[in-house]
Amino acid sequence: MRIHIATDHAGLEFSRQLQHHLAEQGHEVIDHGPLEYDPLDDYPAFCIRAAQAVVRGQQAGIPTLGVVFGGSGNGEQIAANKVRGVRAALVWSIATAELAREHNDANVIAIGARQHTVAEAIGYIDRFIQTPFSGEERHARRIAQLAAYEADGTLLPDPRAARGNAQEPAQSLGGESADAMDPEAG
């Protein structure tokens, strides 16, 4: 399996130890950075490059997954999910690692390096890699809905619309309708 890894300063040493473990397990590990410790570095570019590489590998038919790290894993997951074709999940337990693959067919996981020990993270990553997507119709259907939205904004119809309860907000400006910002609006 090809594994793409990225982090920022918060997970650098953590990442090095995990890369060593994965290589010992026979995986091809590709590190997307950083190269050295810089307490002011930023995770988005590192994580986005790793996520892009995961998608390219999968499109080429190469068994490929990704792991991104940071202090909490939250920002790293958000960054990875900006890449079309990525389904990144924040993992904090064996169960979430397994379900990320089994139910969501996640191709990238994010782990908080300041939240877990290396041994815990190794367990999560190993379970993530070992767990196949279940292929169950309900999970495949939901993943297809996410892909459709990502591709062209397609959503299933709002069930409230059939009852006449759907509310179309006025043009949104920072979470408020345009009318809410107009003092003369009725």
C-alpha atoms as a PDB file:
ATOM      1  CA  MET A   1       0.000   0.000   0.000  1.00  0.00           C
ATOM      2  CA  ARG A   2       1.223   3.493  -0.789  1.00  0.00           C
ATOM      3  CA  ILE A   3       0.726   5.845   2.166  1.00  0.00           C
ATOM      4  CA  HIS A   4       1.000   9.616   1.798  1.00  0.00           C
ATOM      5  CA  ILE A   5       1.795  11.470   5.035  1.00  0.00           C
ATOM      6  CA  ALA A   6       1.822  15.154   5.925  1.00  0.00           C
ATOM      7  CA  THR A   7       1.950  17.210   9.084  1.00  0.00           C
ATOM      8  CA  ASP A   8       3.073  20.519  10.465  1.00  0.00           C
ATOM      9  CA  HIS A   9       5.505  21.245  13.277  1.00  0.00           C
ATOM     10  CA  ALA A  10       3.102  19.823  15.878  1.00  0.00           C
ATOM     11  CA  GLY A  11       3.308  16.341  14.410  1.00  0.00           C
ATOM     12  CA  LEU A  12       6.783  16.256  12.887  1.00  0.00           C
ATOM     13  CA  GLU A  13       8.491  13.860  15.303  1.00  0.00           C
ATOM     14  CA  PHE A  14       5.291  11.854  15.554  1.00  0.00           C
ATOM     15  CA  SER A  15       5.172  11.565  11.764  1.00  0.00           C
ATOM     16  CA  ARG A  16       8.770  10.367  11.539  1.00  0.00           C
ATOM     17  CA  GLN A  17       8.096   7.541  13.989  1.00  0.00           C
ATOM     18  CA  LEU A  18       4.946   6.514  12.157  1.00  0.00           C
ATOM     19  CA  GLN A  19       6.696   6.570   8.786  1.00  0.00           C
ATOM     20  CA  HIS A  20       9.297   4.209  10.189  1.00  0.00           C
ATOM     21  CA  HIS A  21       6.571   1.855  11.458  1.00  0.00           C
ATOM     22  CA  LEU A  22       4.730   1.888   8.131  1.00  0.00           C
ATOM     23  CA  ALA A  23       7.909   1.222   6.147  1.00  0.00           C
ATOM     24  CA  GLU A  24       8.667  -1.727   8.433  1.00  0.00           C
ATOM     25  CA  GLN A  25       5.188  -3.060   7.622  1.00  0.00           C
ATOM     26  CA  GLY A  26       6.116  -3.042   3.926  1.00  0.00           C
ATOM     27  CA  HIS A  27       4.221   0.088   2.901  1.00  0.00           C
ATOM     28  CA  GLU A  28       5.601   2.647   0.488  1.00  0.00           C
ATOM     29  CA  VAL A  29       5.596   5.870   2.502  1.00  0.00           C
ATOM     30  CA  ILE A  30       5.708   9.252   0.812  1.00  0.00           C
ATOM     31  CA  ASP A  31       6.285  12.252   3.072  1.00  0.00           C
ATOM     32  CA  HIS A  32       4.826  15.586   1.991  1.00  0.00           C
ATOM     33  CA  GLY A  33       6.473  17.641   4.677  1.00  0.00           C
ATOM     34  CA  PRO A  34       7.715  19.493   6.447  1.00  0.00           C
ATOM     35  CA  LEU A  35      11.414  18.746   6.097  1.00  0.00           C
ATOM     36  CA  GLU A  36      12.461  20.306   9.387  1.00  0.00           C
ATOM     37  CA  TYR A  37      10.938  21.716  12.544  1.00  0.00           C
ATOM     38  CA  ASP A  38       9.596  25.246  12.160  1.00  0.00           C
ATOM     39  CA  PRO A  39       7.190  26.323  14.924  1.00  0.00           C
ATOM     40  CA  LEU A  40       5.599  28.829  12.546  1.00  0.00           C
ATOM     41  CA  ASP A  41       4.930  26.524   9.602  1.00  0.00           C
ATOM     42  CA  ASP A  42       1.413  25.999   8.284  1.00  0.00           C
ATOM     43  CA  TYR A  43      -0.287  22.660   7.646  1.00  0.00           C
ATOM     44  CA  PRO A  44      -2.627  23.437   4.700  1.00  0.00           C
ATOM     45  CA  ALA A  45      -0.147  23.087   1.821  1.00  0.00           C
ATOM     46  CA  PHE A  46       1.437  19.948   3.284  1.00  0.00           C
ATOM     47  CA  CYS A  47      -1.917  18.244   3.852  1.00  0.00           C
ATOM     48  CA  ILE A  48      -3.423  19.339   0.556  1.00  0.00           C
ATOM     49  CA  ARG A  49      -0.421  17.972  -1.361  1.00  0.00           C
ATOM     50  CA  ALA A  50      -0.720  14.637   0.440  1.00  0.00           C
ATOM     51  CA  ALA A  51      -4.458  14.517  -0.290  1.00  0.00           C
ATOM     52  CA  GLN A  52      -3.886  15.345  -3.960  1.00  0.00           C
ATOM     53  CA  ALA A  53      -1.354  12.525  -4.173  1.00  0.00           C
ATOM     54  CA  VAL A  54      -3.852  10.077  -2.646  1.00  0.00           C
ATOM     55  CA  VAL A  55      -6.423  10.955  -5.307  1.00  0.00           C
ATOM     56  CA  ARG A  56      -3.857  10.697  -8.120  1.00  0.00           C
ATOM     57  CA  GLY A  57      -2.706   7.300  -6.862  1.00  0.00           C
ATOM     58  CA  GLN A  58      -6.233   5.962  -6.560  1.00  0.00           C
ATOM     59  CA  GLN A  59      -7.147   7.265 -10.022  1.00  0.00           C
ATOM     60  CA  ALA A  60      -4.087   5.435 -11.380  1.00  0.00           C
ATOM     61  CA  GLY A  61      -5.286   2.207  -9.760  1.00  0.00           C
ATOM     62  CA  ILE A  62      -2.564   2.168  -7.109  1.00  0.00           C
ATOM     63  CA  PRO A  63      -3.714   1.095  -3.628  1.00  0.00           C
ATOM     64  CA  THR A  64      -3.225   4.417  -1.849  1.00  0.00           C
ATOM     65  CA  LEU A  65      -4.290   6.033   1.431  1.00  0.00           C
ATOM     66  CA  GLY A  66      -3.235   9.112   3.361  1.00  0.00           C
ATOM     67  CA  VAL A  67      -2.546  10.129   6.949  1.00  0.00           C
ATOM     68  CA  VAL A  68      -2.270  13.751   8.069  1.00  0.00           C
ATOM     69  CA  PHE A  69      -1.234  14.989  11.516  1.00  0.00           C
ATOM     70  CA  GLY A  70      -1.296  18.153  13.511  1.00  0.00           C
ATOM     71  CA  GLY A  71      -1.893  19.202  17.082  1.00  0.00           C
ATOM     72  CA  SER A  72      -5.570  18.238  17.028  1.00  0.00           C
ATOM     73  CA  GLY A  73      -5.983  16.832  13.525  1.00  0.00           C
ATOM     74  CA  ASN A  74      -8.974  19.098  12.922  1.00  0.00           C
ATOM     75  CA  GLY A  75      -7.375  21.629  10.592  1.00  0.00           C
ATOM     76  CA  GLU A  76      -5.486  18.890   8.786  1.00  0.00           C
ATOM     77  CA  GLN A  77      -8.739  17.032   8.122  1.00  0.00           C
ATOM     78  CA  ILE A  78     -10.377  20.217   6.857  1.00  0.00           C
ATOM     79  CA  ALA A  79      -7.424  20.913   4.540  1.00  0.00           C
ATOM     80  CA  ALA A  80      -7.448  17.390   3.111  1.00  0.00           C
ATOM     81  CA  ASN A  81     -11.193  17.547   2.534  1.00  0.00           C
ATOM     82  CA  LYS A  82     -10.747  20.573   0.270  1.00  0.00           C
ATOM     83  CA  VAL A  83      -9.322  18.218  -2.378  1.00  0.00           C
ATOM     84  CA  ARG A  84     -11.928  16.824  -4.762  1.00  0.00           C
ATOM     85  CA  GLY A  85     -12.185  13.061  -4.295  1.00  0.00           C
ATOM     86  CA  VAL A  86     -10.890  13.014  -0.725  1.00  0.00           C
ATOM     87  CA  ARG A  87     -12.957  11.684   2.140  1.00  0.00           C
ATOM     88  CA  ALA A  88     -10.876  12.539   5.191  1.00  0.00           C
ATOM     89  CA  ALA A  89     -11.995  11.483   8.669  1.00  0.00           C
ATOM     90  CA  LEU A  90     -10.748  12.629  12.053  1.00  0.00           C
ATOM     91  CA  VAL A  91      -9.741   9.482  13.924  1.00  0.00           C
ATOM     92  CA  TRP A  92      -9.447   9.275  17.693  1.00  0.00           C
ATOM     93  CA  SER A  93     -10.069   5.585  18.413  1.00  0.00           C
ATOM     94  CA  ILE A  94      -9.807   2.136  16.884  1.00  0.00           C
ATOM     95  CA  ALA A  95     -13.555   2.250  16.232  1.00  0.00           C
ATOM     96  CA  THR A  96     -13.413   5.565  14.348  1.00  0.00           C
ATOM     97  CA  ALA A  97     -10.464   4.305  12.282  1.00  0.00           C
ATOM     98  CA  GLU A  98     -12.383   1.181  11.342  1.00  0.00           C
ATOM     99  CA  LEU A  99     -15.661   2.964  10.632  1.00  0.00           C
ATOM    100  CA  ALA A 100     -13.909   5.601   8.536  1.00  0.00           C
ATOM    101  CA  ARG A 101     -13.006   2.859   6.052  1.00  0.00           C
ATOM    102  CA  GLU A 102     -15.894   0.431   6.544  1.00  0.00           C
ATOM    103  CA  HIS A 103     -18.765   2.927   6.297  1.00  0.00           C
ATOM    104  CA  ASN A 104     -17.287   6.047   4.691  1.00  0.00           C
ATOM    105  CA  ASP A 105     -14.584   4.567   2.451  1.00  0.00           C
ATOM    106  CA  ALA A 106     -12.301   7.304   3.799  1.00  0.00           C
ATOM    107  CA  ASN A 107      -9.068   7.574   1.884  1.00  0.00           C
ATOM    108  CA  VAL A 108      -7.349   9.943   4.331  1.00  0.00           C
ATOM    109  CA  ILE A 109      -7.374  10.068   8.111  1.00  0.00           C
ATOM    110  CA  ALA A 110      -6.346  12.896  10.381  1.00  0.00           C
ATOM    111  CA  ILE A 111      -4.888  12.300  13.839  1.00  0.00           C
ATOM    112  CA  GLY A 112      -4.069  14.798  16.566  1.00  0.00           C
ATOM    113  CA  ALA A 113      -0.424  14.289  17.476  1.00  0.00           C
ATOM    114  CA  ARG A 114      -0.932  16.174  20.735  1.00  0.00           C
ATOM    115  CA  GLN A 115      -3.960  14.056  21.595  1.00  0.00           C
ATOM    116  CA  HIS A 116      -2.509  10.540  21.295  1.00  0.00           C
ATOM    117  CA  THR A 117       0.605   8.514  21.925  1.00  0.00           C
ATOM    118  CA  VAL A 118       2.563   7.108  19.015  1.00  0.00           C
ATOM    119  CA  ALA A 119       1.427   3.612  20.011  1.00  0.00           C
ATOM    120  CA  GLU A 120      -2.226   4.695  19.868  1.00  0.00           C
ATOM    121  CA  ALA A 121      -1.751   6.333  16.472  1.00  0.00           C
ATOM    122  CA  ILE A 122      -0.033   3.225  15.127  1.00  0.00           C
ATOM    123  CA  GLY A 123      -3.040   1.191  16.199  1.00  0.00           C
ATOM    124  CA  TYR A 124      -5.442   3.600  14.489  1.00  0.00           C
ATOM    125  CA  ILE A 125      -3.426   3.701  11.277  1.00  0.00           C
ATOM    126  CA  ASP A 126      -2.951  -0.063  11.129  1.00  0.00           C
ATOM    127  CA  ARG A 127      -6.698  -0.612  11.620  1.00  0.00           C
ATOM    128  CA  PHE A 128      -7.511   2.022   8.992  1.00  0.00           C
ATOM    129  CA  ILE A 129      -5.224   0.349   6.452  1.00  0.00           C
ATOM    130  CA  GLN A 130      -6.452  -3.167   7.245  1.00  0.00           C
ATOM    131  CA  THR A 131     -10.173  -2.379   7.101  1.00  0.00           C
ATOM    132  CA  PRO A 132     -11.875  -2.594   3.715  1.00  0.00           C
ATOM    133  CA  PHE A 133     -14.909  -0.595   2.660  1.00  0.00           C
ATOM    134  CA  SER A 134     -17.978  -2.730   3.360  1.00  0.00           C
ATOM    135  CA  GLY A 135     -19.569  -1.920   0.014  1.00  0.00           C
ATOM    136  CA  GLU A 136     -23.012  -1.993   1.645  1.00  0.00           C
ATOM    137  CA  GLU A 137     -25.606  -0.284  -0.523  1.00  0.00           C
ATOM    138  CA  ARG A 138     -26.553   2.310   2.107  1.00  0.00           C
ATOM    139  CA  HIS A 139     -22.936   3.400   2.519  1.00  0.00           C
ATOM    140  CA  ALA A 140     -22.239   3.407  -1.228  1.00  0.00           C
ATOM    141  CA  ARG A 141     -25.411   5.452  -1.776  1.00  0.00           C
ATOM    142  CA  ARG A 142     -24.341   8.071   0.765  1.00  0.00           C
ATOM    143  CA  ILE A 143     -20.825   8.309  -0.660  1.00  0.00           C
ATOM    144  CA  ALA A 144     -22.344   8.780  -4.133  1.00  0.00           C
ATOM    145  CA  GLN A 145     -24.457  11.650  -2.767  1.00  0.00           C
ATOM    146  CA  LEU A 146     -21.330  13.325  -1.388  1.00  0.00           C
ATOM    147  CA  ALA A 147     -19.549  12.865  -4.717  1.00  0.00           C
ATOM    148  CA  ALA A 148     -22.518  14.343  -6.617  1.00  0.00           C
ATOM    149  CA  TYR A 149     -22.546  17.408  -4.383  1.00  0.00           C
ATOM    150  CA  GLU A 150     -18.790  17.782  -4.751  1.00  0.00           C
ATOM    151  CA  ALA A 151     -19.060  17.515  -8.546  1.00  0.00           C
ATOM    152  CA  ASP A 152     -21.963  19.840  -9.273  1.00  0.00           C
ATOM    153  CA  GLY A 153     -23.822  20.815  -6.098  1.00  0.00           C
ATOM    154  CA  THR A 154     -26.519  18.182  -6.516  1.00  0.00           C
ATOM    155  CA  LEU A 155     -28.543  17.476  -3.365  1.00  0.00           C
ATOM    156  CA  LEU A 156     -31.523  15.244  -2.762  1.00  0.00           C
ATOM    157  CA  PRO A 157     -34.790  17.188  -2.635  1.00  0.00           C
ATOM    158  CA  ASP A 158     -35.619  18.829   0.701  1.00  0.00           C
ATOM    159  CA  PRO A 159     -38.386  16.664   2.226  1.00  0.00           C
ATOM    160  CA  ARG A 160     -39.914  19.781   3.804  1.00  0.00           C
ATOM    161  CA  ALA A 161     -40.511  21.266   0.334  1.00  0.00           C
ATOM    162  CA  ALA A 162     -43.225  18.693  -0.413  1.00  0.00           C
ATOM    163  CA  ARG A 163     -45.083  19.843   2.719  1.00  0.00           C
ATOM    164  CA  GLY A 164     -44.653  23.496   1.897  1.00  0.00           C
ATOM    165  CA  ASN A 165     -42.351  24.002   4.878  1.00  0.00           C
ATOM    166  CA  ALA A 166     -39.089  24.608   3.059  1.00  0.00           C
ATOM    167  CA  GLN A 167     -37.742  28.053   3.653  1.00  0.00           C
ATOM    168  CA  GLU A 168     -35.604  29.641   1.002  1.00  0.00           C
ATOM    169  CA  PRO A 169     -33.421  32.150   2.785  1.00  0.00           C
ATOM    170  CA  ALA A 170     -32.982  35.501   1.160  1.00  0.00           C
ATOM    171  CA  GLN A 171     -29.548  36.119  -0.284  1.00  0.00           C
ATOM    172  CA  SER A 172     -27.209  35.156   2.531  1.00  0.00           C
ATOM    173  CA  LEU A 173     -24.751  37.627   3.952  1.00  0.00           C
ATOM    174  CA  GLY A 174     -22.718  36.177   6.796  1.00  0.00           C
ATOM    175  CA  GLY A 175     -25.505  33.931   8.054  1.00  0.00           C
ATOM    176  CA  GLU A 176     -28.209  36.603   7.932  1.00  0.00           C
ATOM    177  CA  SER A 177     -30.713  37.249   5.184  1.00  0.00           C
ATOM    178  CA  ALA A 178     -30.327  40.363   3.103  1.00  0.00           C
ATOM    179  CA  ASP A 179     -33.641  41.595   4.520  1.00  0.00           C
ATOM    180  CA  ALA A 180     -32.301  41.356   8.077  1.00  0.00           C
ATOM    181  CA  MET A 181     -29.587  43.827   7.135  1.00  0.00           C
ATOM    182  CA  ASP A 182     -32.034  46.306   5.534  1.00  0.00           C
ATOM    183  CA  PRO A 183     -33.627  48.555   8.187  1.00  0.00           C
ATOM    184  CA  GLU A 184     -36.493  49.365   5.801  1.00  0.00           C
ATOM    185  CA  ALA A 185     -37.289  45.741   4.996  1.00  0.00           C
ATOM    186  CA  GLY A 186     -40.788  44.649   6.019  1.00  0.00           C
END
